[in-house]
Amino acid sequence: MITPQDADFHFKPDSHWQWVETLAFPFAVPEANINGVIYVLTRPMLGVCMCDITLMDRITDLWEEQAYVDNQQHLPCPKSLLEFSLPNGLSLKATRPLKHYEIQYDGIDDTRFKLDFVALHEPYDCNDPAMDPLAAQRNGPAWDSSWSGHYEATYRITGELVLRGKRYAVDCVETGDRSWGQRPERDNGTMIWWHAGFGDDLTVHLFTRHDIAHSNDFGALVSGYVLDNGQVHGLVSAQGAQEYRKAVPMGGQLAVTDVRGKTLHFTYSTVNSCYWAPYPSNTYLQASMRVNHNGRIGHGIQQLGLSRAYLGRHRDALSTRYGG
């Protein structure tokens, strides 16, 4: 179970030097085909953090061809995750930890934003068997030691984005997450982190294994939920497959079943994407999606996480399947 205390740091004086704590807050302006990500990865035992602000507006292979990128690897680590300001211009305040965050950013090239993230439900603890129906059968955390603690939350996000001098109103539903634990950043497992929101009343989120070098099908479901009219229902199964362009997801289909026995079907297509690598050991094939559910259109994000070790190990198979 996640409590308000989990919004702040968990490390101890004797924690391993590889201990990591993260915050991820995505947002979108779908009518302008803009997706943003605010990602903070802290290494409190080393006294440093990474902060990435990326704004995407097109399908491209190259991260630097997106609308805006500000990635800084060695910033001073905040003293608290409840309220901080970083030298890159990002500031965050948890006015109600887990429930309401105020986030501001003043960057370069006349780019900035001021956003409110208001949670639509209690955080979903993927390691809690009382909440996640698949947690009890696992031997260890959902992904690896870096997810010793982990939760997702779906937010209603409002505010304003100024991107290279042009103003956009932000009013969307997106799902973010937070994690803590030891993160070696070598040969992490491959995975798909996927969500789509259709308004305050419906969001689906899931996390699956995926062996992209050998299959287009989603791998085993690890965790996920359906947020349906304010109630959260854990997933018990998921089946999906998708097509690729140079290993970047271009679209696919998905079916999920929750603990109620209710099955939801989705088709989706990518509207902007790139190879996103907020820290160097992994690349996240970040794809923003337009999603159809029984004629209702929603929007969301897929992150296909691949370690550099996996990519190198399977480079011939990936080149054969998807092209160079």
Protein backbone atom coordinates (compact mmCIF):
# COMPACT_ATOMS: atom_id res chain seq x y z
CA MET A 1 0.00 0.00 0.00
CA ILE A 2 1.27 3.44 -0.95
CA THR A 3 1.02 6.19 1.70
CA PRO A 4 1.78 9.93 1.48
CA GLN A 5 5.21 9.22 3.00
CA ASP A 6 6.08 7.29 -0.17
CA ALA A 7 6.04 10.54 -2.13
CA ASP A 8 9.39 11.43 -0.56
CA PHE A 9 12.78 9.67 -0.49
CA HIS A 10 13.19 6.10 0.80
CA PHE A 11 16.96 5.73 0.87
CA LYS A 12 18.83 5.11 4.14
CA PRO A 13 22.37 6.03 5.21
CA ASP A 14 23.59 2.53 4.31
CA SER A 15 21.73 2.26 0.96
CA HIS A 16 23.75 0.99 -1.99
CA TRP A 17 25.46 3.68 -4.08
CA GLN A 18 23.29 2.62 -7.05
CA TRP A 19 20.06 3.51 -5.23
CA VAL A 20 17.71 5.45 -7.52
CA GLU A 21 14.41 7.28 -7.00
CA THR A 22 12.41 8.57 -9.96
CA LEU A 23 9.49 10.82 -10.82
CA ALA A 24 7.74 10.72 -14.22
CA PHE A 25 5.03 13.19 -15.23
CA PRO A 26 3.85 13.07 -18.87
CA PHE A 27 1.43 15.58 -20.40
CA ALA A 28 -0.04 16.27 -23.83
CA VAL A 29 -1.72 18.73 -26.15
CA PRO A 30 -3.32 16.16 -28.50
CA GLU A 31 -4.91 18.71 -30.84
CA ALA A 32 -1.42 20.06 -31.62
CA ASN A 33 0.19 16.60 -31.69
CA ILE A 34 2.46 17.54 -28.76
CA ASN A 35 3.49 15.18 -25.99
CA GLY A 36 5.72 16.19 -23.12
CA VAL A 37 7.62 14.23 -20.50
CA ILE A 38 9.04 15.50 -17.22
CA TYR A 39 11.44 12.89 -15.87
CA VAL A 40 13.64 13.19 -12.80
CA LEU A 41 16.01 10.37 -11.84
CA THR A 42 17.85 10.93 -8.57
CA ARG A 43 20.91 9.15 -7.16
CA PRO A 44 20.81 10.39 -3.56
CA MET A 45 23.79 8.34 -2.38
CA LEU A 46 25.92 10.08 -5.03
CA GLY A 47 24.29 13.48 -4.55
CA VAL A 48 23.28 13.89 -8.20
CA CYS A 49 20.18 13.69 -10.36
CA MET A 50 19.24 13.65 -14.03
CA CYS A 51 16.37 15.74 -15.35
CA ASP A 52 14.87 15.37 -18.80
CA ILE A 53 12.33 17.66 -20.44
CA THR A 54 11.37 16.42 -23.91
CA LEU A 55 8.53 17.76 -26.08
CA MET A 56 7.61 15.58 -29.06
CA ASP A 57 5.63 16.56 -32.15
CA ARG A 58 6.62 14.16 -34.97
CA ILE A 59 7.67 10.65 -35.94
CA THR A 60 11.44 10.57 -36.27
CA ASP A 61 14.38 8.31 -35.54
CA LEU A 62 16.37 11.03 -33.82
CA TRP A 63 15.63 12.42 -30.38
CA GLU A 64 17.17 15.77 -31.33
CA GLU A 65 14.65 16.21 -34.17
CA GLN A 66 11.82 16.57 -31.68
CA ALA A 67 10.34 19.97 -30.82
CA TYR A 68 12.42 20.51 -27.68
CA VAL A 69 14.99 18.55 -25.66
CA ASP A 70 16.63 19.59 -22.39
CA ASN A 71 18.46 16.63 -20.82
CA GLN A 72 20.95 17.27 -18.04
CA GLN A 73 22.74 14.35 -16.43
CA HIS A 74 24.53 15.75 -13.38
CA LEU A 75 22.41 18.18 -11.42
CA PRO A 76 22.55 18.41 -7.62
CA CYS A 77 20.17 15.94 -5.97
CA PRO A 78 17.17 17.53 -4.23
CA LYS A 79 16.97 17.30 -0.44
CA SER A 80 13.32 16.26 -0.71
CA LEU A 81 11.02 15.10 -3.50
CA LEU A 82 8.10 16.99 -1.97
CA GLU A 83 9.40 20.41 -2.97
CA PHE A 84 12.50 21.33 -4.94
CA SER A 85 13.97 23.52 -7.65
CA LEU A 86 16.71 22.43 -10.05
CA PRO A 87 19.26 24.60 -11.86
CA ASN A 88 17.71 23.68 -15.22
CA GLY A 89 14.58 25.69 -14.39
CA LEU A 90 12.30 22.89 -13.15
CA SER A 91 10.49 23.27 -9.84
CA LEU A 92 8.01 20.92 -8.19
CA LYS A 93 5.78 21.19 -5.15
CA ALA A 94 3.62 18.38 -3.78
CA THR A 95 0.83 20.52 -2.36
CA ARG A 96 -0.93 17.28 -1.38
CA PRO A 97 1.55 14.40 -1.68
CA LEU A 98 0.31 11.69 -4.10
CA LYS A 99 -2.76 13.78 -4.96
CA HIS A 100 -1.72 17.19 -6.29
CA TYR A 101 1.56 18.43 -7.77
CA GLU A 102 2.40 21.89 -9.06
CA ILE A 103 5.21 21.76 -11.63
CA GLN A 104 6.85 24.70 -13.39
CA TYR A 105 9.67 24.90 -15.88
CA ASP A 106 11.51 27.87 -17.39
CA GLY A 107 13.83 26.60 -20.10
CA ILE A 108 15.60 28.01 -23.14
CA ASP A 109 14.38 29.18 -26.55
CA ASP A 110 11.23 30.79 -25.06
CA THR A 111 9.97 27.43 -23.75
CA ARG A 112 8.28 26.99 -20.37
CA PHE A 113 5.22 25.53 -18.70
CA LYS A 114 3.14 25.72 -15.55
CA LEU A 115 1.07 22.61 -14.84
CA ASP A 116 -1.17 21.13 -12.15
CA PHE A 117 -1.30 17.34 -11.83
CA VAL A 118 -4.36 16.15 -9.88
CA ALA A 119 -4.62 12.39 -9.28
CA LEU A 120 -7.88 10.69 -10.28
CA HIS A 121 -7.40 7.74 -7.90
CA GLU A 122 -5.20 6.34 -5.15
CA PRO A 123 -1.74 5.26 -6.40
CA TYR A 124 -1.61 1.78 -7.88
CA ASP A 125 1.01 -0.31 -6.05
CA CYS A 126 2.10 -3.05 -8.45
CA ASN A 127 3.92 -4.86 -5.61
CA ASP A 128 0.89 -5.06 -3.29
CA PRO A 129 -1.11 -8.33 -3.62
CA ALA A 130 -4.11 -6.60 -2.07
CA MET A 131 -4.20 -4.26 -5.06
CA ASP A 132 -2.48 -6.05 -7.94
CA PRO A 133 -3.86 -9.56 -8.65
CA LEU A 134 -0.54 -10.67 -10.18
CA ALA A 135 1.74 -9.46 -7.39
CA ALA A 136 1.43 -12.52 -5.13
CA GLN A 137 2.73 -14.92 -7.77
CA ARG A 138 5.93 -12.95 -8.39
CA ASN A 139 9.25 -13.78 -6.80
CA GLY A 140 10.55 -10.26 -6.28
CA PRO A 141 9.51 -6.82 -7.58
CA ALA A 142 7.57 -6.23 -10.78
CA TRP A 143 10.56 -5.49 -13.01
CA ASP A 144 13.92 -5.55 -11.25
CA SER A 145 15.50 -4.16 -8.09
CA SER A 146 14.91 -0.59 -9.30
CA TRP A 147 11.18 -1.27 -8.83
CA SER A 148 11.51 -2.48 -5.24
CA GLY A 149 8.99 0.30 -4.71
CA HIS A 150 6.80 1.45 -7.57
CA TYR A 151 3.40 2.94 -8.28
CA GLU A 152 1.41 4.45 -11.14
CA ALA A 153 -1.10 7.27 -10.98
CA THR A 154 -3.44 8.73 -13.58
CA TYR A 155 -3.77 12.52 -13.48
CA ARG A 156 -5.98 15.27 -14.83
CA ILE A 157 -3.42 17.84 -15.98
CA THR A 158 -4.20 21.51 -16.60
CA GLY A 159 -2.11 24.59 -17.26
CA GLU A 160 -0.17 26.26 -20.03
CA LEU A 161 2.76 25.32 -22.24
CA VAL A 162 4.83 27.84 -24.17
CA LEU A 163 6.85 26.03 -26.84
CA ARG A 164 9.31 28.22 -28.72
CA GLY A 165 7.10 31.25 -28.11
CA LYS A 166 3.77 29.65 -29.06
CA ARG A 167 1.20 29.21 -26.29
CA TYR A 168 -0.90 26.08 -25.78
CA ALA A 169 -3.57 25.35 -23.19
CA VAL A 170 -2.99 22.00 -21.48
CA ASP A 171 -6.02 19.97 -20.39
CA CYS A 172 -5.45 16.23 -20.62
CA VAL A 173 -5.40 12.90 -18.80
CA GLU A 174 -2.09 11.04 -18.57
CA THR A 175 -0.51 8.38 -16.38
CA GLY A 176 2.78 8.87 -14.56
CA ASP A 177 4.81 6.78 -12.17
CA ARG A 178 7.36 6.77 -9.39
CA SER A 179 9.93 4.13 -8.42
CA TRP A 180 12.71 3.52 -5.93
CA GLY A 181 15.35 0.86 -5.42
CA GLN A 182 18.81 -0.19 -6.52
CA ARG A 183 19.27 0.38 -10.28
CA PRO A 184 22.47 -1.08 -11.76
CA GLU A 185 21.66 0.20 -15.29
CA ARG A 186 23.24 -2.74 -17.04
CA ASP A 187 21.24 -5.30 -19.01
CA ASN A 188 17.84 -4.29 -17.62
CA GLY A 189 14.95 -6.40 -18.85
CA THR A 190 13.01 -5.43 -21.97
CA MET A 191 9.49 -4.20 -21.36
CA ILE A 192 6.49 -2.27 -22.67
CA TRP A 193 4.93 0.42 -20.44
CA TRP A 194 1.61 1.41 -22.07
CA HIS A 195 -1.35 3.59 -21.17
CA ALA A 196 -4.28 5.33 -22.82
CA GLY A 197 -6.73 7.82 -21.35
CA PHE A 198 -10.22 8.60 -22.64
CA GLY A 199 -11.17 11.26 -20.10
CA ASP A 200 -11.60 11.26 -16.35
CA ASP A 201 -13.83 8.18 -16.50
CA LEU A 202 -11.62 5.66 -18.36
CA THR A 203 -7.90 4.89 -18.48
CA VAL A 204 -6.06 1.63 -19.06
CA HIS A 205 -2.46 1.07 -18.03
CA LEU A 206 -0.26 -2.00 -18.38
CA PHE A 207 3.32 -3.20 -18.12
CA THR A 208 4.43 -6.30 -20.02
CA ARG A 209 7.54 -8.22 -20.94
CA HIS A 210 8.54 -8.09 -24.60
CA ASP A 211 11.17 -9.87 -26.70
CA ILE A 212 11.16 -7.54 -29.69
CA ALA A 213 14.11 -9.32 -31.35
CA HIS A 214 11.98 -12.42 -31.89
CA SER A 215 8.30 -11.45 -31.78
CA ASN A 216 5.80 -8.69 -32.52
CA ASP A 217 3.54 -10.02 -29.75
CA PHE A 218 3.42 -8.52 -26.28
CA GLY A 219 5.05 -10.72 -23.66
CA ALA A 220 3.70 -11.79 -20.29
CA LEU A 221 1.63 -9.25 -18.39
CA VAL A 222 3.43 -7.99 -15.30
CA SER A 223 0.99 -5.42 -13.94
CA GLY A 224 -1.78 -3.06 -14.95
CA TYR A 225 -5.19 -1.62 -14.18
CA VAL A 226 -8.37 -0.16 -15.61
CA LEU A 227 -9.57 3.10 -14.07
CA ASP A 228 -13.33 3.00 -14.68
CA ASN A 229 -15.45 5.85 -13.30
CA GLY A 230 -13.17 6.39 -10.33
CA GLN A 231 -12.71 2.71 -9.47
CA VAL A 232 -9.44 0.87 -10.09
CA HIS A 233 -9.54 -2.76 -11.25
CA GLY A 234 -6.32 -4.74 -11.57
CA LEU A 235 -5.59 -6.57 -14.81
CA VAL A 236 -5.35 -10.35 -14.91
CA SER A 237 -4.41 -10.79 -18.58
CA ALA A 238 -3.39 -8.88 -21.69
CA GLN A 239 -2.77 -9.87 -25.31
CA GLY A 240 -1.40 -7.56 -27.95
CA ALA A 241 0.72 -7.27 -31.06
CA GLN A 242 2.11 -4.34 -32.98
CA GLU A 243 3.97 -3.34 -36.13
CA TYR A 244 7.30 -1.55 -36.24
CA ARG A 245 9.35 0.87 -38.29
CA LYS A 246 13.04 0.33 -37.49
CA ALA A 247 11.94 -1.18 -34.17
CA VAL A 248 9.80 1.88 -33.32
CA PRO A 249 6.17 0.89 -32.58
CA MET A 250 3.84 2.23 -35.28
CA GLY A 251 0.53 0.78 -34.13
CA GLY A 252 -1.22 -2.35 -33.01
CA GLN A 253 -4.07 -3.96 -31.16
CA LEU A 254 -4.57 -4.85 -27.52
CA ALA A 255 -7.10 -6.67 -25.36
CA VAL A 256 -7.04 -6.58 -21.55
CA THR A 257 -9.14 -8.37 -18.95
CA ASP A 258 -9.51 -7.10 -15.39
CA VAL A 259 -10.50 -8.74 -12.10
CA ARG A 260 -14.20 -8.16 -12.86
CA GLY A 261 -13.86 -10.41 -15.90
CA LYS A 262 -14.44 -7.40 -18.14
CA THR A 263 -12.45 -7.37 -21.40
CA LEU A 264 -11.64 -4.15 -23.23
CA HIS A 265 -10.33 -3.99 -26.82
CA PHE A 266 -8.15 -1.27 -28.32
CA THR A 267 -6.49 -0.42 -31.60
CA TYR A 268 -3.89 2.31 -31.81
CA SER A 269 -1.50 4.19 -34.08
CA THR A 270 1.60 6.22 -33.34
CA VAL A 271 1.40 9.99 -33.88
CA ASN A 272 4.89 10.95 -32.69
CA SER A 273 7.90 8.94 -31.60
CA CYS A 274 11.68 8.74 -31.31
CA TYR A 275 14.52 6.88 -29.65
CA TRP A 276 14.50 8.52 -26.19
CA ALA A 277 17.44 7.81 -23.88
CA PRO A 278 17.11 9.86 -20.69
CA TYR A 279 20.07 7.95 -19.26
CA PRO A 280 22.67 6.33 -21.50
CA SER A 281 22.42 2.63 -20.58
CA ASN A 282 18.85 2.25 -21.90
CA THR A 283 16.88 3.52 -24.83
CA TYR A 284 13.13 3.98 -24.61
CA LEU A 285 11.36 3.85 -27.95
CA GLN A 286 8.88 6.50 -26.93
CA ALA A 287 5.66 6.48 -28.93
CA SER A 288 2.67 8.76 -28.40
CA MET A 289 -0.51 7.05 -29.52
CA ARG A 290 -4.01 7.76 -30.82
CA VAL A 291 -6.14 4.96 -29.37
CA ASN A 292 -9.57 3.68 -30.41
CA HIS A 293 -11.88 1.88 -27.97
CA ASN A 294 -15.27 0.99 -29.47
CA GLY A 295 -15.24 4.20 -31.52
CA ARG A 296 -14.11 6.39 -28.64
CA ILE A 297 -10.76 8.12 -29.23
CA GLY A 298 -8.18 8.50 -26.51
CA HIS A 299 -4.50 9.26 -26.25
CA GLY A 300 -1.55 7.76 -24.46
CA ILE A 301 2.08 6.75 -24.38
CA GLN A 302 4.02 3.60 -25.01
CA GLN A 303 7.58 3.22 -23.78
CA LEU A 304 9.42 0.23 -25.20
CA GLY A 305 12.38 -0.12 -22.86
CA LEU A 306 15.52 -1.73 -24.28
CA SER A 307 18.93 -1.90 -22.66
CA ARG A 308 21.97 -1.24 -24.83
CA ALA A 309 23.15 -4.72 -23.84
CA TYR A 310 19.97 -6.30 -25.27
CA LEU A 311 20.25 -4.26 -28.48
CA GLY A 312 23.86 -5.30 -29.00
CA ARG A 313 23.20 -8.94 -28.16
CA HIS A 314 20.37 -9.14 -30.70
CA ARG A 315 21.59 -6.65 -33.31
CA ASP A 316 21.52 -9.15 -36.18
CA ALA A 317 18.02 -10.40 -35.35
CA LEU A 318 16.71 -6.85 -34.98
CA SER A 319 18.28 -5.77 -38.26
CA THR A 320 16.80 -8.76 -40.06
CA ARG A 321 13.30 -8.27 -38.63
CA TYR A 322 13.00 -4.50 -38.77
CA GLY A 323 15.71 -3.13 -41.04
CA GLY A 324 18.68 -0.93 -40.24
